Amino acid sequence: MNKKKAQSNVHLIQLESYKAPTTVESNREDWVQFGEDNNFFKYLIDRFNNSTTNNSVINNISKLIYGRGIDATSIIQQRTIRLLITFLN
């Protein structure tokens, strides 16, 4: 008799181990620094480029947000969307 091992779909995420970057406000500068050496965004880009899991999660979430795109069936809608895209670029 074959006994199959039950597979669990439960995944644990240990968010308590996450350390948010410190933000440092300075009266001398016109910007706020994020993380050590002000390189938090470089850190995020490196994680995206070098981690297949991180890359996949970010790409799939962005696909969920974007959905199937924007449909414009009338000329007025098409002109409005072109104007919006031109404005955003």
N, C-alpha and C. Protein backbone atom coordinates (compact mmCIF):
# COMPACT_ATOMS: atom_id res chain seq x y z
N MET A 1 0.84 -1.18 0.00
CA MET A 1 0.00 0.00 0.00
C MET A 1 0.89 1.24 0.00
N ASN A 2 0.66 2.12 -0.97
CA ASN A 2 1.43 3.35 -1.09
C ASN A 2 0.80 4.45 -0.25
N LYS A 3 1.59 5.04 0.58
CA LYS A 3 1.11 6.18 1.35
C LYS A 3 1.78 7.43 0.80
N LYS A 4 0.96 8.37 0.36
CA LYS A 4 1.51 9.62 -0.15
C LYS A 4 1.64 10.61 1.01
N LYS A 5 2.73 11.29 0.98
CA LYS A 5 2.97 12.30 1.98
C LYS A 5 2.17 13.55 1.62
N ALA A 6 1.41 14.07 2.56
CA ALA A 6 0.62 15.27 2.31
C ALA A 6 1.53 16.47 2.16
N GLN A 7 1.28 17.24 1.11
CA GLN A 7 2.07 18.45 0.89
C GLN A 7 1.32 19.64 1.46
N SER A 8 2.05 20.48 2.11
CA SER A 8 1.46 21.66 2.72
C SER A 8 1.61 22.86 1.79
N ASN A 9 0.57 23.66 1.72
CA ASN A 9 0.62 24.90 0.95
C ASN A 9 0.86 26.10 1.85
N VAL A 10 1.26 25.85 3.08
CA VAL A 10 1.49 26.92 4.03
C VAL A 10 2.95 27.36 3.92
N HIS A 11 3.14 28.66 3.77
CA HIS A 11 4.48 29.23 3.69
C HIS A 11 4.61 30.30 4.76
N LEU A 12 5.70 30.30 5.46
CA LEU A 12 5.93 31.29 6.50
C LEU A 12 6.88 32.37 5.99
N ILE A 13 6.52 33.58 6.27
CA ILE A 13 7.37 34.72 5.91
C ILE A 13 7.77 35.38 7.22
N GLN A 14 9.05 35.47 7.44
CA GLN A 14 9.53 36.04 8.69
C GLN A 14 9.80 37.53 8.52
N LEU A 15 8.74 38.30 8.65
CA LEU A 15 8.86 39.74 8.46
C LEU A 15 9.60 40.42 9.61
N GLU A 16 9.66 39.76 10.76
CA GLU A 16 10.37 40.38 11.87
C GLU A 16 11.87 40.48 11.60
N SER A 17 12.36 39.69 10.65
CA SER A 17 13.78 39.76 10.32
C SER A 17 14.09 40.90 9.34
N TYR A 18 13.05 41.50 8.78
CA TYR A 18 13.24 42.61 7.84
C TYR A 18 13.65 43.86 8.62
N LYS A 19 14.66 44.51 8.15
CA LYS A 19 15.10 45.76 8.76
C LYS A 19 14.94 46.88 7.74
N ALA A 20 14.05 47.80 8.03
CA ALA A 20 13.83 48.93 7.14
C ALA A 20 15.04 49.85 7.17
N PRO A 21 15.35 50.49 6.05
CA PRO A 21 16.50 51.40 6.04
C PRO A 21 16.21 52.63 6.91
N THR A 22 17.23 53.15 7.49
CA THR A 22 17.05 54.35 8.29
C THR A 22 17.04 55.56 7.37
N THR A 23 16.16 56.47 7.68
CA THR A 23 16.12 57.71 6.92
C THR A 23 16.76 58.79 7.76
N VAL A 24 17.62 59.57 7.14
CA VAL A 24 18.35 60.60 7.85
C VAL A 24 18.06 61.94 7.21
N GLU A 25 17.43 62.82 7.97
CA GLU A 25 17.16 64.17 7.49
C GLU A 25 18.29 65.08 7.93
N SER A 26 18.75 65.87 7.01
CA SER A 26 19.84 66.80 7.32
C SER A 26 19.39 68.20 6.97
N ASN A 27 19.70 69.14 7.84
CA ASN A 27 19.36 70.54 7.56
C ASN A 27 20.29 71.15 6.51
N ARG A 28 21.40 70.49 6.24
CA ARG A 28 22.37 71.01 5.27
C ARG A 28 22.01 70.65 3.83
N GLU A 29 21.30 69.53 3.65
CA GLU A 29 21.01 69.02 2.31
C GLU A 29 19.54 69.22 1.96
N ASP A 30 19.22 69.17 0.67
CA ASP A 30 17.84 69.31 0.20
C ASP A 30 17.17 67.96 -0.04
N TRP A 31 17.74 66.88 0.49
CA TRP A 31 17.17 65.55 0.28
C TRP A 31 17.29 64.73 1.56
N VAL A 32 16.60 63.61 1.55
CA VAL A 32 16.63 62.68 2.68
C VAL A 32 17.42 61.46 2.25
N GLN A 33 18.36 61.03 3.09
CA GLN A 33 19.17 59.86 2.76
C GLN A 33 18.45 58.59 3.21
N PHE A 34 18.54 57.55 2.39
CA PHE A 34 17.94 56.26 2.69
C PHE A 34 19.02 55.21 2.84
N GLY A 35 19.10 54.60 4.01
CA GLY A 35 20.04 53.52 4.24
C GLY A 35 21.47 54.00 4.43
N GLU A 36 22.33 53.04 4.71
CA GLU A 36 23.73 53.37 4.88
C GLU A 36 24.31 53.87 3.56
N ASP A 37 25.08 54.90 3.61
CA ASP A 37 25.73 55.49 2.44
C ASP A 37 24.74 55.94 1.38
N ASN A 38 23.47 56.13 1.76
CA ASN A 38 22.43 56.61 0.84
C ASN A 38 22.32 55.73 -0.41
N ASN A 39 22.43 54.41 -0.25
CA ASN A 39 22.41 53.52 -1.41
C ASN A 39 21.30 52.48 -1.34
N PHE A 40 20.20 52.80 -0.67
CA PHE A 40 19.11 51.84 -0.55
C PHE A 40 18.50 51.49 -1.90
N PHE A 41 18.36 52.48 -2.77
CA PHE A 41 17.75 52.21 -4.07
C PHE A 41 18.67 51.36 -4.95
N LYS A 42 19.96 51.56 -4.82
CA LYS A 42 20.92 50.69 -5.52
C LYS A 42 20.80 49.26 -5.00
N TYR A 43 20.60 49.13 -3.69
CA TYR A 43 20.40 47.82 -3.08
C TYR A 43 19.16 47.14 -3.68
N LEU A 44 18.07 47.88 -3.81
CA LEU A 44 16.85 47.31 -4.38
C LEU A 44 17.06 46.89 -5.83
N ILE A 45 17.74 47.71 -6.61
CA ILE A 45 18.02 47.38 -8.01
C ILE A 45 18.91 46.15 -8.10
N ASP A 46 19.91 46.05 -7.23
CA ASP A 46 20.77 44.86 -7.20
C ASP A 46 19.97 43.61 -6.87
N ARG A 47 19.05 43.70 -5.92
CA ARG A 47 18.22 42.54 -5.58
C ARG A 47 17.37 42.13 -6.78
N PHE A 48 16.83 43.12 -7.49
CA PHE A 48 16.01 42.83 -8.67
C PHE A 48 16.84 42.14 -9.75
N ASN A 49 18.05 42.64 -9.98
CA ASN A 49 18.90 42.10 -11.05
C ASN A 49 19.55 40.77 -10.70
N ASN A 50 19.81 40.52 -9.43
CA ASN A 50 20.58 39.34 -9.05
C ASN A 50 19.79 38.25 -8.33
N SER A 51 18.53 38.48 -8.09
CA SER A 51 17.71 37.47 -7.41
C SER A 51 16.56 37.07 -8.33
N THR A 52 16.55 35.82 -8.75
CA THR A 52 15.47 35.37 -9.64
C THR A 52 14.12 35.42 -8.94
N THR A 53 14.11 35.14 -7.66
CA THR A 53 12.84 35.19 -6.92
C THR A 53 12.33 36.62 -6.84
N ASN A 54 13.18 37.53 -6.45
CA ASN A 54 12.79 38.93 -6.34
C ASN A 54 12.35 39.46 -7.70
N ASN A 55 13.10 39.16 -8.74
CA ASN A 55 12.78 39.59 -10.09
C ASN A 55 11.40 39.07 -10.52
N SER A 56 11.16 37.80 -10.27
CA SER A 56 9.90 37.19 -10.66
C SER A 56 8.72 37.80 -9.91
N VAL A 57 8.88 38.02 -8.62
CA VAL A 57 7.81 38.60 -7.82
C VAL A 57 7.48 40.01 -8.31
N ILE A 58 8.50 40.83 -8.51
CA ILE A 58 8.27 42.21 -8.95
C ILE A 58 7.62 42.23 -10.33
N ASN A 59 8.11 41.41 -11.25
CA ASN A 59 7.53 41.39 -12.60
C ASN A 59 6.09 40.92 -12.59
N ASN A 60 5.79 39.88 -11.81
CA ASN A 60 4.41 39.38 -11.79
C ASN A 60 3.45 40.33 -11.09
N ILE A 61 3.89 40.99 -10.04
CA ILE A 61 3.03 41.97 -9.38
C ILE A 61 2.76 43.14 -10.32
N SER A 62 3.78 43.57 -11.06
CA SER A 62 3.56 44.67 -12.00
C SER A 62 2.60 44.25 -13.12
N LYS A 63 2.66 42.99 -13.53
CA LYS A 63 1.71 42.50 -14.54
C LYS A 63 0.30 42.49 -13.97
N LEU A 64 0.15 42.14 -12.70
CA LEU A 64 -1.17 42.15 -12.07
C LEU A 64 -1.72 43.57 -11.97
N ILE A 65 -0.85 44.52 -11.68
CA ILE A 65 -1.28 45.91 -11.58
C ILE A 65 -1.67 46.45 -12.95
N TYR A 66 -0.84 46.17 -13.95
CA TYR A 66 -1.08 46.68 -15.30
C TYR A 66 -2.28 45.99 -15.94
N GLY A 67 -2.44 44.72 -15.68
CA GLY A 67 -3.55 43.99 -16.26
C GLY A 67 -3.37 43.77 -17.74
N ARG A 68 -4.42 43.99 -18.48
CA ARG A 68 -4.39 43.77 -19.92
C ARG A 68 -4.15 45.05 -20.69
N GLY A 69 -3.79 46.08 -20.01
CA GLY A 69 -3.49 47.33 -20.70
C GLY A 69 -4.70 48.23 -20.82
N ILE A 70 -4.59 49.18 -21.69
CA ILE A 70 -5.64 50.18 -21.89
C ILE A 70 -6.26 49.96 -23.27
N ASP A 71 -7.57 49.87 -23.30
CA ASP A 71 -8.28 49.74 -24.57
C ASP A 71 -8.97 51.06 -24.89
N ALA A 72 -8.83 51.48 -26.11
CA ALA A 72 -9.51 52.68 -26.57
C ALA A 72 -10.22 52.33 -27.87
N THR A 73 -11.55 52.35 -27.83
CA THR A 73 -12.31 51.94 -29.01
C THR A 73 -12.73 53.13 -29.87
N SER A 74 -12.88 54.29 -29.27
CA SER A 74 -13.29 55.45 -30.06
C SER A 74 -12.10 56.36 -30.31
N ILE A 75 -12.23 57.22 -31.29
CA ILE A 75 -11.15 58.15 -31.63
C ILE A 75 -10.89 59.11 -30.47
N ILE A 76 -11.94 59.53 -29.78
CA ILE A 76 -11.78 60.44 -28.64
C ILE A 76 -10.98 59.75 -27.54
N GLN A 77 -11.30 58.50 -27.27
CA GLN A 77 -10.54 57.76 -26.25
C GLN A 77 -9.08 57.60 -26.67
N GLN A 78 -8.85 57.31 -27.93
CA GLN A 78 -7.48 57.15 -28.42
C GLN A 78 -6.69 58.44 -28.28
N ARG A 79 -7.31 59.55 -28.63
CA ARG A 79 -6.63 60.85 -28.49
C ARG A 79 -6.34 61.16 -27.02
N THR A 80 -7.29 60.86 -26.15
CA THR A 80 -7.10 61.10 -24.73
C THR A 80 -5.96 60.27 -24.17
N ILE A 81 -5.89 59.01 -24.57
CA ILE A 81 -4.82 58.13 -24.09
C ILE A 81 -3.48 58.58 -24.64
N ARG A 82 -3.42 58.98 -25.91
CA ARG A 82 -2.15 59.49 -26.47
C ARG A 82 -1.68 60.73 -25.71
N LEU A 83 -2.63 61.62 -25.41
CA LEU A 83 -2.30 62.84 -24.67
C LEU A 83 -1.80 62.48 -23.27
N LEU A 84 -2.44 61.54 -22.61
CA LEU A 84 -2.03 61.10 -21.28
C LEU A 84 -0.62 60.48 -21.31
N ILE A 85 -0.37 59.64 -22.29
CA ILE A 85 0.95 59.00 -22.39
C ILE A 85 2.02 60.05 -22.69
N THR A 86 1.71 60.99 -23.56
CA THR A 86 2.67 62.07 -23.86
C THR A 86 2.95 62.89 -22.61
N PHE A 87 1.91 63.17 -21.84
CA PHE A 87 2.07 63.95 -20.61
C PHE A 87 2.92 63.19 -19.59
N LEU A 88 2.71 61.88 -19.48
CA LEU A 88 3.46 61.07 -18.49
C LEU A 88 4.91 60.87 -18.88
N ASN A 89 5.20 60.89 -20.18
CA ASN A 89 6.60 60.72 -20.60
C ASN A 89 7.31 62.02 -20.43
